[in-house]
Amino acid sequence: MAPPLLVVEVVSPGAESRRRGYFDKRNQYEWRGIPEYWLVDPQAGCVTVLALADGRYTETVFNRGDRVIAPTFPQWQLTVEEMLVDPTRIV
């Protein structure tokens, strides 16, 4: 089975969750050949886009005020703020 084009993870609070998202899963997804891996980090207020190039991830961090630019999905139009919205507050 081919790997998915994109994996998006929301980083949960806590040191263990951060380590898993930023290191363990990153290594697993890189090894699996997943073209893009996004880390949505509500605590840090950022979105990290990891794009596979020559078998290794390159990392771009987008902060509040930035539009998230994704190599695999150039039509993507959401900003960091829009991705960090608490869905329970949407009316």
PDB file of N, CA and C in Angstrom:
ATOM      1  N   MET A   1       0.830  -1.166   0.000  1.00  0.00           N
ATOM      2  CA  MET A   1       0.000   0.000   0.000  1.00  0.00           C
ATOM      3  C   MET A   1       0.884   1.240   0.000  1.00  0.00           C
ATOM      4  N   ALA A   2       0.534   2.189  -0.836  1.00  0.00           N
ATOM      5  CA  ALA A   2       1.287   3.439  -0.908  1.00  0.00           C
ATOM      6  C   ALA A   2       1.028   4.271   0.346  1.00  0.00           C
ATOM      7  N   PRO A   3       2.011   5.055   0.768  1.00  0.00           N
ATOM      8  CA  PRO A   3       1.803   5.901   1.947  1.00  0.00           C
ATOM      9  C   PRO A   3       0.830   7.028   1.618  1.00  0.00           C
ATOM     10  N   PRO A   4       0.176   7.596   2.638  1.00  0.00           N
ATOM     11  CA  PRO A   4      -0.694   8.744   2.394  1.00  0.00           C
ATOM     12  C   PRO A   4       0.140   9.941   1.939  1.00  0.00           C
ATOM     13  N   LEU A   5      -0.487  10.880   1.252  1.00  0.00           N
ATOM     14  CA  LEU A   5       0.214  12.084   0.808  1.00  0.00           C
ATOM     15  C   LEU A   5       0.513  13.031   1.966  1.00  0.00           C
ATOM     16  N   LEU A   6      -0.329  12.968   3.003  1.00  0.00           N
ATOM     17  CA  LEU A   6      -0.223  13.914   4.095  1.00  0.00           C
ATOM     18  C   LEU A   6      -0.684  13.269   5.398  1.00  0.00           C
ATOM     19  N   VAL A   7       0.056  13.571   6.473  1.00  0.00           N
ATOM     20  CA  VAL A   7      -0.369  13.236   7.826  1.00  0.00           C
ATOM     21  C   VAL A   7      -0.364  14.546   8.601  1.00  0.00           C
ATOM     22  N   VAL A   8      -1.482  14.817   9.307  1.00  0.00           N
ATOM     23  CA  VAL A   8      -1.588  16.004  10.150  1.00  0.00           C
ATOM     24  C   VAL A   8      -1.785  15.542  11.585  1.00  0.00           C
ATOM     25  N   GLU A   9      -0.953  16.043  12.466  1.00  0.00           N
ATOM     26  CA  GLU A   9      -1.030  15.693  13.884  1.00  0.00           C
ATOM     27  C   GLU A   9      -1.250  16.974  14.684  1.00  0.00           C
ATOM     28  N   VAL A  10      -2.129  16.914  15.664  1.00  0.00           N
ATOM     29  CA  VAL A  10      -2.283  17.997  16.622  1.00  0.00           C
ATOM     30  C   VAL A  10      -1.484  17.598  17.853  1.00  0.00           C
ATOM     31  N   VAL A  11      -0.538  18.447  18.236  1.00  0.00           N
ATOM     32  CA  VAL A  11       0.340  18.151  19.365  1.00  0.00           C
ATOM     33  C   VAL A  11      -0.443  18.342  20.659  1.00  0.00           C
ATOM     34  N   SER A  12      -0.526  17.290  21.439  1.00  0.00           N
ATOM     35  CA  SER A  12      -1.208  17.346  22.734  1.00  0.00           C
ATOM     36  C   SER A  12      -0.283  17.931  23.786  1.00  0.00           C
ATOM     37  N   PRO A  13      -0.866  18.478  24.856  1.00  0.00           N
ATOM     38  CA  PRO A  13      -0.025  19.008  25.941  1.00  0.00           C
ATOM     39  C   PRO A  13       0.810  17.898  26.582  1.00  0.00           C
ATOM     40  N   GLY A  14       1.945  18.280  27.111  1.00  0.00           N
ATOM     41  CA  GLY A  14       2.800  17.343  27.833  1.00  0.00           C
ATOM     42  C   GLY A  14       4.065  17.016  27.077  1.00  0.00           C
ATOM     43  N   ALA A  15       5.115  16.821  27.835  1.00  0.00           N
ATOM     44  CA  ALA A  15       6.440  16.558  27.263  1.00  0.00           C
ATOM     45  C   ALA A  15       6.468  15.284  26.427  1.00  0.00           C
ATOM     46  N   GLU A  16       5.804  14.236  26.903  1.00  0.00           N
ATOM     47  CA  GLU A  16       5.804  12.961  26.170  1.00  0.00           C
ATOM     48  C   GLU A  16       5.110  13.094  24.817  1.00  0.00           C
ATOM     49  N   SER A  17       3.995  13.787  24.784  1.00  0.00           N
ATOM     50  CA  SER A  17       3.270  13.997  23.521  1.00  0.00           C
ATOM     51  C   SER A  17       4.099  14.820  22.548  1.00  0.00           C
ATOM     52  N   ARG A  18       4.762  15.848  23.046  1.00  0.00           N
ATOM     53  CA  ARG A  18       5.612  16.688  22.182  1.00  0.00           C
ATOM     54  C   ARG A  18       6.756  15.851  21.598  1.00  0.00           C
ATOM     55  N   ARG A  19       7.377  15.035  22.439  1.00  0.00           N
ATOM     56  CA  ARG A  19       8.489  14.205  21.953  1.00  0.00           C
ATOM     57  C   ARG A  19       8.006  13.251  20.872  1.00  0.00           C
ATOM     58  N   ARG A  20       6.859  12.611  21.107  1.00  0.00           N
ATOM     59  CA  ARG A  20       6.314  11.668  20.120  1.00  0.00           C
ATOM     60  C   ARG A  20       6.049  12.355  18.791  1.00  0.00           C
ATOM     61  N   GLY A  21       5.393  13.523  18.842  1.00  0.00           N
ATOM     62  CA  GLY A  21       5.045  14.215  17.608  1.00  0.00           C
ATOM     63  C   GLY A  21       6.236  14.775  16.866  1.00  0.00           C
ATOM     64  N   TYR A  22       7.113  15.433  17.610  1.00  0.00           N
ATOM     65  CA  TYR A  22       8.238  16.120  16.973  1.00  0.00           C
ATOM     66  C   TYR A  22       9.418  15.218  16.634  1.00  0.00           C
ATOM     67  N   PHE A  23       9.535  14.056  17.278  1.00  0.00           N
ATOM     68  CA  PHE A  23      10.697  13.201  17.020  1.00  0.00           C
ATOM     69  C   PHE A  23      10.314  11.795  16.564  1.00  0.00           C
ATOM     70  N   ASP A  24       9.586  11.058  17.402  1.00  0.00           N
ATOM     71  CA  ASP A  24       9.289   9.658  17.077  1.00  0.00           C
ATOM     72  C   ASP A  24       8.487   9.514  15.793  1.00  0.00           C
ATOM     73  N   LYS A  25       7.349  10.199  15.732  1.00  0.00           N
ATOM     74  CA  LYS A  25       6.500  10.078  14.545  1.00  0.00           C
ATOM     75  C   LYS A  25       7.179  10.669  13.325  1.00  0.00           C
ATOM     76  N   ARG A  26       7.891  11.760  13.524  1.00  0.00           N
ATOM     77  CA  ARG A  26       8.632  12.357  12.408  1.00  0.00           C
ATOM     78  C   ARG A  26       9.567  11.316  11.779  1.00  0.00           C
ATOM     79  N   ASN A  27      10.320  10.618  12.606  1.00  0.00           N
ATOM     80  CA  ASN A  27      11.244   9.601  12.088  1.00  0.00           C
ATOM     81  C   ASN A  27      10.496   8.460  11.404  1.00  0.00           C
ATOM     82  N   GLN A  28       9.392   8.023  12.002  1.00  0.00           N
ATOM     83  CA  GLN A  28       8.607   6.935  11.411  1.00  0.00           C
ATOM     84  C   GLN A  28       8.031   7.343  10.060  1.00  0.00           C
ATOM     85  N   TYR A  29       7.475   8.544   9.980  1.00  0.00           N
ATOM     86  CA  TYR A  29       6.845   8.993   8.737  1.00  0.00           C
ATOM     87  C   TYR A  29       7.895   9.248   7.652  1.00  0.00           C
ATOM     88  N   GLU A  30       9.028   9.763   8.046  1.00  0.00           N
ATOM     89  CA  GLU A  30      10.119   9.977   7.102  1.00  0.00           C
ATOM     90  C   GLU A  30      10.572   8.638   6.521  1.00  0.00           C
ATOM     91  N   TRP A  31      10.764   7.659   7.391  1.00  0.00           N
ATOM     92  CA  TRP A  31      11.187   6.326   6.960  1.00  0.00           C
ATOM     93  C   TRP A  31      10.136   5.693   6.038  1.00  0.00           C
ATOM     94  N   ARG A  32       8.856   5.927   6.333  1.00  0.00           N
ATOM     95  CA  ARG A  32       7.755   5.366   5.547  1.00  0.00           C
ATOM     96  C   ARG A  32       7.596   6.061   4.197  1.00  0.00           C
ATOM     97  N   GLY A  33       8.194   7.243   4.030  1.00  0.00           N
ATOM     98  CA  GLY A  33       8.129   7.959   2.756  1.00  0.00           C
ATOM     99  C   GLY A  33       6.877   8.794   2.589  1.00  0.00           C
ATOM    100  N   ILE A  34       6.304   9.257   3.693  1.00  0.00           N
ATOM    101  CA  ILE A  34       5.120  10.118   3.621  1.00  0.00           C
ATOM    102  C   ILE A  34       5.584  11.507   3.179  1.00  0.00           C
ATOM    103  N   PRO A  35       5.064  12.006   2.053  1.00  0.00           N
ATOM    104  CA  PRO A  35       5.576  13.251   1.472  1.00  0.00           C
ATOM    105  C   PRO A  35       5.481  14.482   2.364  1.00  0.00           C
ATOM    106  N   GLU A  36       4.387  14.594   3.144  1.00  0.00           N
ATOM    107  CA  GLU A  36       4.249  15.750   4.029  1.00  0.00           C
ATOM    108  C   GLU A  36       3.688  15.332   5.372  1.00  0.00           C
ATOM    109  N   TYR A  37       4.203  15.988   6.394  1.00  0.00           N
ATOM    110  CA  TYR A  37       3.781  15.763   7.776  1.00  0.00           C
ATOM    111  C   TYR A  37       3.627  17.134   8.406  1.00  0.00           C
ATOM    112  N   TRP A  38       2.425  17.437   8.893  1.00  0.00           N
ATOM    113  CA  TRP A  38       2.170  18.722   9.537  1.00  0.00           C
ATOM    114  C   TRP A  38       1.968  18.507  11.027  1.00  0.00           C
ATOM    115  N   LEU A  39       2.574  19.372  11.814  1.00  0.00           N
ATOM    116  CA  LEU A  39       2.373  19.396  13.258  1.00  0.00           C
ATOM    117  C   LEU A  39       1.659  20.697  13.614  1.00  0.00           C
ATOM    118  N   VAL A  40       0.432  20.573  14.060  1.00  0.00           N
ATOM    119  CA  VAL A  40      -0.342  21.720  14.506  1.00  0.00           C
ATOM    120  C   VAL A  40      -0.157  21.784  16.020  1.00  0.00           C
ATOM    121  N   ASP A  41       0.471  22.850  16.478  1.00  0.00           N
ATOM    122  CA  ASP A  41       0.856  22.945  17.886  1.00  0.00           C
ATOM    123  C   ASP A  41       0.139  24.114  18.565  1.00  0.00           C
ATOM    124  N   PRO A  42      -1.026  23.847  19.166  1.00  0.00           N
ATOM    125  CA  PRO A  42      -1.776  24.922  19.816  1.00  0.00           C
ATOM    126  C   PRO A  42      -1.014  25.587  20.963  1.00  0.00           C
ATOM    127  N   GLN A  43      -0.203  24.838  21.699  1.00  0.00           N
ATOM    128  CA  GLN A  43       0.531  25.403  22.824  1.00  0.00           C
ATOM    129  C   GLN A  43       1.589  26.401  22.344  1.00  0.00           C
ATOM    130  N   ALA A  44       2.282  26.078  21.266  1.00  0.00           N
ATOM    131  CA  ALA A  44       3.320  26.958  20.732  1.00  0.00           C
ATOM    132  C   ALA A  44       2.746  27.993  19.765  1.00  0.00           C
ATOM    133  N   GLY A  45       1.503  27.790  19.314  1.00  0.00           N
ATOM    134  CA  GLY A  45       0.871  28.717  18.378  1.00  0.00           C
ATOM    135  C   GLY A  45       1.494  28.689  17.000  1.00  0.00           C
ATOM    136  N   CYS A  46       1.849  27.489  16.543  1.00  0.00           N
ATOM    137  CA  CYS A  46       2.490  27.382  15.234  1.00  0.00           C
ATOM    138  C   CYS A  46       2.058  26.111  14.511  1.00  0.00           C
ATOM    139  N   VAL A  47       2.373  26.081  13.224  1.00  0.00           N
ATOM    140  CA  VAL A  47       2.180  24.893  12.401  1.00  0.00           C
ATOM    141  C   VAL A  47       3.515  24.615  11.732  1.00  0.00           C
ATOM    142  N   THR A  48       4.008  23.394  11.894  1.00  0.00           N
ATOM    143  CA  THR A  48       5.269  22.980  11.266  1.00  0.00           C
ATOM    144  C   THR A  48       4.938  22.076  10.102  1.00  0.00           C
ATOM    145  N   VAL A  49       5.460  22.430   8.921  1.00  0.00           N
ATOM    146  CA  VAL A  49       5.272  21.618   7.722  1.00  0.00           C
ATOM    147  C   VAL A  49       6.602  20.947   7.412  1.00  0.00           C
ATOM    148  N   LEU A  50       6.573  19.623   7.379  1.00  0.00           N
ATOM    149  CA  LEU A  50       7.754  18.834   7.034  1.00  0.00           C
ATOM    150  C   LEU A  50       7.516  18.241   5.647  1.00  0.00           C
ATOM    151  N   ALA A  51       8.386  18.547   4.711  1.00  0.00           N
ATOM    152  CA  ALA A  51       8.241  18.073   3.335  1.00  0.00           C
ATOM    153  C   ALA A  51       9.422  17.178   2.992  1.00  0.00           C
ATOM    154  N   LEU A  52       9.112  16.027   2.422  1.00  0.00           N
ATOM    155  CA  LEU A  52      10.143  15.041   2.092  1.00  0.00           C
ATOM    156  C   LEU A  52      10.906  15.472   0.837  1.00  0.00           C
ATOM    157  N   ALA A  53      12.224  15.531   0.951  1.00  0.00           N
ATOM    158  CA  ALA A  53      13.104  15.872  -0.168  1.00  0.00           C
ATOM    159  C   ALA A  53      14.347  14.993  -0.071  1.00  0.00           C
ATOM    160  N   ASP A  54      14.569  14.183  -1.086  1.00  0.00           N
ATOM    161  CA  ASP A  54      15.719  13.276  -1.108  1.00  0.00           C
ATOM    162  C   ASP A  54      15.752  12.367   0.126  1.00  0.00           C
ATOM    163  N   GLY A  55      14.560  11.894   0.540  1.00  0.00           N
ATOM    164  CA  GLY A  55      14.469  10.942   1.640  1.00  0.00           C
ATOM    165  C   GLY A  55      14.553  11.535   3.035  1.00  0.00           C
ATOM    166  N   ARG A  56      14.656  12.876   3.130  1.00  0.00           N
ATOM    167  CA  ARG A  56      14.750  13.543   4.437  1.00  0.00           C
ATOM    168  C   ARG A  56      13.717  14.666   4.483  1.00  0.00           C
ATOM    169  N   TYR A  57      13.214  14.948   5.676  1.00  0.00           N
ATOM    170  CA  TYR A  57      12.276  16.042   5.830  1.00  0.00           C
ATOM    171  C   TYR A  57      13.006  17.380   5.930  1.00  0.00           C
ATOM    172  N   THR A  58      12.473  18.368   5.201  1.00  0.00           N
ATOM    173  CA  THR A  58      12.852  19.757   5.419  1.00  0.00           C
ATOM    174  C   THR A  58      11.719  20.379   6.222  1.00  0.00           C
ATOM    175  N   GLU A  59      12.036  21.266   7.105  1.00  0.00           N
ATOM    176  CA  GLU A  59      11.079  21.802   8.061  1.00  0.00           C
ATOM    177  C   GLU A  59      10.869  23.290   7.855  1.00  0.00           C
ATOM    178  N   THR A  60       9.592  23.700   7.814  1.00  0.00           N
ATOM    179  CA  THR A  60       9.238  25.111   7.777  1.00  0.00           C
ATOM    180  C   THR A  60       8.216  25.351   8.872  1.00  0.00           C
ATOM    181  N   VAL A  61       8.485  26.340   9.718  1.00  0.00           N
ATOM    182  CA  VAL A  61       7.585  26.663  10.819  1.00  0.00           C
ATOM    183  C   VAL A  61       6.823  27.936  10.457  1.00  0.00           C
ATOM    184  N   PHE A  62       5.494  27.852  10.577  1.00  0.00           N
ATOM    185  CA  PHE A  62       4.618  28.989  10.321  1.00  0.00           C
ATOM    186  C   PHE A  62       4.025  29.433  11.651  1.00  0.00           C
ATOM    187  N   ASN A  63       4.071  30.744  11.899  1.00  0.00           N
ATOM    188  CA  ASN A  63       3.586  31.308  13.151  1.00  0.00           C
ATOM    189  C   ASN A  63       2.323  32.123  12.916  1.00  0.00           C
ATOM    190  N   ARG A  64       1.723  32.564  14.006  1.00  0.00           N
ATOM    191  CA  ARG A  64       0.515  33.387  13.897  1.00  0.00           C
ATOM    192  C   ARG A  64       0.757  34.521  12.906  1.00  0.00           C
ATOM    193  N   GLY A  65      -0.231  34.767  12.060  1.00  0.00           N
ATOM    194  CA  GLY A  65      -0.112  35.794  11.026  1.00  0.00           C
ATOM    195  C   GLY A  65       0.335  35.232   9.685  1.00  0.00           C
ATOM    196  N   ASP A  66       0.854  34.002   9.672  1.00  0.00           N
ATOM    197  CA  ASP A  66       1.324  33.384   8.430  1.00  0.00           C
ATOM    198  C   ASP A  66       0.225  32.552   7.775  1.00  0.00           C
ATOM    199  N   ARG A  67       0.256  32.521   6.443  1.00  0.00           N
ATOM    200  CA  ARG A  67      -0.546  31.548   5.709  1.00  0.00           C
ATOM    201  C   ARG A  67       0.319  30.309   5.581  1.00  0.00           C
ATOM    202  N   VAL A  68      -0.261  29.150   5.862  1.00  0.00           N
ATOM    203  CA  VAL A  68       0.492  27.895   5.794  1.00  0.00           C
ATOM    204  C   VAL A  68       0.682  27.528   4.329  1.00  0.00           C
ATOM    205  N   ILE A  69       1.931  27.333   3.936  1.00  0.00           N
ATOM    206  CA  ILE A  69       2.276  26.974   2.558  1.00  0.00           C
ATOM    207  C   ILE A  69       2.733  25.521   2.562  1.00  0.00           C
ATOM    208  N   ALA A  70       2.036  24.723   1.759  1.00  0.00           N
ATOM    209  CA  ALA A  70       2.312  23.288   1.716  1.00  0.00           C
ATOM    210  C   ALA A  70       2.703  22.891   0.295  1.00  0.00           C
ATOM    211  N   PRO A  71       3.897  22.345   0.098  1.00  0.00           N
ATOM    212  CA  PRO A  71       4.354  21.985  -1.238  1.00  0.00           C
ATOM    213  C   PRO A  71       3.412  21.040  -1.993  1.00  0.00           C
ATOM    214  N   THR A  72       2.850  20.060  -1.291  1.00  0.00           N
ATOM    215  CA  THR A  72       1.977  19.089  -1.946  1.00  0.00           C
ATOM    216  C   THR A  72       0.600  19.667  -2.230  1.00  0.00           C
ATOM    217  N   PHE A  73       0.207  20.683  -1.475  1.00  0.00           N
ATOM    218  CA  PHE A  73      -1.123  21.280  -1.602  1.00  0.00           C
ATOM    219  C   PHE A  73      -1.004  22.799  -1.766  1.00  0.00           C
ATOM    220  N   PRO A  74      -0.516  23.269  -2.918  1.00  0.00           N
ATOM    221  CA  PRO A  74      -0.292  24.707  -3.091  1.00  0.00           C
ATOM    222  C   PRO A  74      -1.577  25.535  -3.040  1.00  0.00           C
ATOM    223  N   GLN A  75      -2.729  24.917  -3.225  1.00  0.00           N
ATOM    224  CA  GLN A  75      -3.999  25.637  -3.174  1.00  0.00           C
ATOM    225  C   GLN A  75      -4.474  25.887  -1.742  1.00  0.00           C
ATOM    226  N   TRP A  76      -3.782  25.356  -0.752  1.00  0.00           N
ATOM    227  CA  TRP A  76      -4.147  25.507   0.648  1.00  0.00           C
ATOM    228  C   TRP A  76      -4.172  26.986   0.993  1.00  0.00           C
ATOM    229  N   GLN A  77      -5.226  27.438   1.660  1.00  0.00           N
ATOM    230  CA  GLN A  77      -5.390  28.863   1.927  1.00  0.00           C
ATOM    231  C   GLN A  77      -5.531  29.228   3.407  1.00  0.00           C
ATOM    232  N   LEU A  78      -5.446  28.270   4.317  1.00  0.00           N
ATOM    233  CA  LEU A  78      -5.653  28.590   5.727  1.00  0.00           C
ATOM    234  C   LEU A  78      -4.424  29.219   6.369  1.00  0.00           C
ATOM    235  N   THR A  79      -4.699  30.082   7.337  1.00  0.00           N
ATOM    236  CA  THR A  79      -3.626  30.674   8.128  1.00  0.00           C
ATOM    237  C   THR A  79      -3.425  29.838   9.384  1.00  0.00           C
ATOM    238  N   VAL A  80      -2.371  30.132  10.089  1.00  0.00           N
ATOM    239  CA  VAL A  80      -2.109  29.445  11.360  1.00  0.00           C
ATOM    240  C   VAL A  80      -3.277  29.673  12.316  1.00  0.00           C
ATOM    241  N   GLU A  81      -3.760  30.911  12.416  1.00  0.00           N
ATOM    242  CA  GLU A  81      -4.879  31.203  13.314  1.00  0.00           C
ATOM    243  C   GLU A  81      -6.097  30.362  12.974  1.00  0.00           C
ATOM    244  N   GLU A  82      -6.402  30.230  11.689  1.00  0.00           N
ATOM    245  CA  GLU A  82      -7.559  29.439  11.271  1.00  0.00           C
ATOM    246  C   GLU A  82      -7.393  27.963  11.623  1.00  0.00           C
ATOM    247  N   MET A  83      -6.175  27.471  11.560  1.00  0.00           N
ATOM    248  CA  MET A  83      -5.935  26.068  11.894  1.00  0.00           C
ATOM    249  C   MET A  83      -5.955  25.832  13.402  1.00  0.00           C
ATOM    250  N   LEU A  84      -5.726  26.886  14.183  1.00  0.00           N
ATOM    251  CA  LEU A  84      -5.688  26.738  15.639  1.00  0.00           C
ATOM    252  C   LEU A  84      -7.005  27.063  16.308  1.00  0.00           C
ATOM    253  N   VAL A  85      -8.031  27.382  15.536  1.00  0.00           N
ATOM    254  CA  VAL A  85      -9.335  27.723  16.114  1.00  0.00           C
ATOM    255  C   VAL A  85      -9.878  26.553  16.914  1.00  0.00           C
ATOM    256  N   ASP A  86     -10.383  26.858  18.070  1.00  0.00           N
ATOM    257  CA  ASP A  86     -11.015  25.857  18.919  1.00  0.00           C
ATOM    258  C   ASP A  86     -12.370  25.513  18.298  1.00  0.00           C
ATOM    259  N   PRO A  87     -12.561  24.270  17.793  1.00  0.00           N
ATOM    260  CA  PRO A  87     -13.807  23.945  17.108  1.00  0.00           C
ATOM    261  C   PRO A  87     -15.032  24.053  17.995  1.00  0.00           C
ATOM    262  N   THR A  88     -14.853  24.045  19.300  1.00  0.00           N
ATOM    263  CA  THR A  88     -16.012  24.175  20.180  1.00  0.00           C
ATOM    264  C   THR A  88     -16.508  25.623  20.224  1.00  0.00           C
ATOM    265  N   ARG A  89     -15.714  26.567  19.722  1.00  0.00           N
ATOM    266  CA  ARG A  89     -16.119  27.977  19.710  1.00  0.00           C
ATOM    267  C   ARG A  89     -16.771  28.377  18.400  1.00  0.00           C
ATOM    268  N   ILE A  90     -16.758  27.524  17.403  1.00  0.00           N
ATOM    269  CA  ILE A  90     -17.358  27.850  16.111  1.00  0.00           C
ATOM    270  C   ILE A  90     -18.872  27.801  16.254  1.00  0.00           C
ATOM    271  N   VAL A  91     -19.528  28.866  15.846  1.00  0.00           N
ATOM    272  CA  VAL A  91     -20.996  28.936  15.968  1.00  0.00           C
ATOM    273  C   VAL A  91     -21.626  28.689  14.619  1.00  0.00           C
TER     274      VAL A  91
END
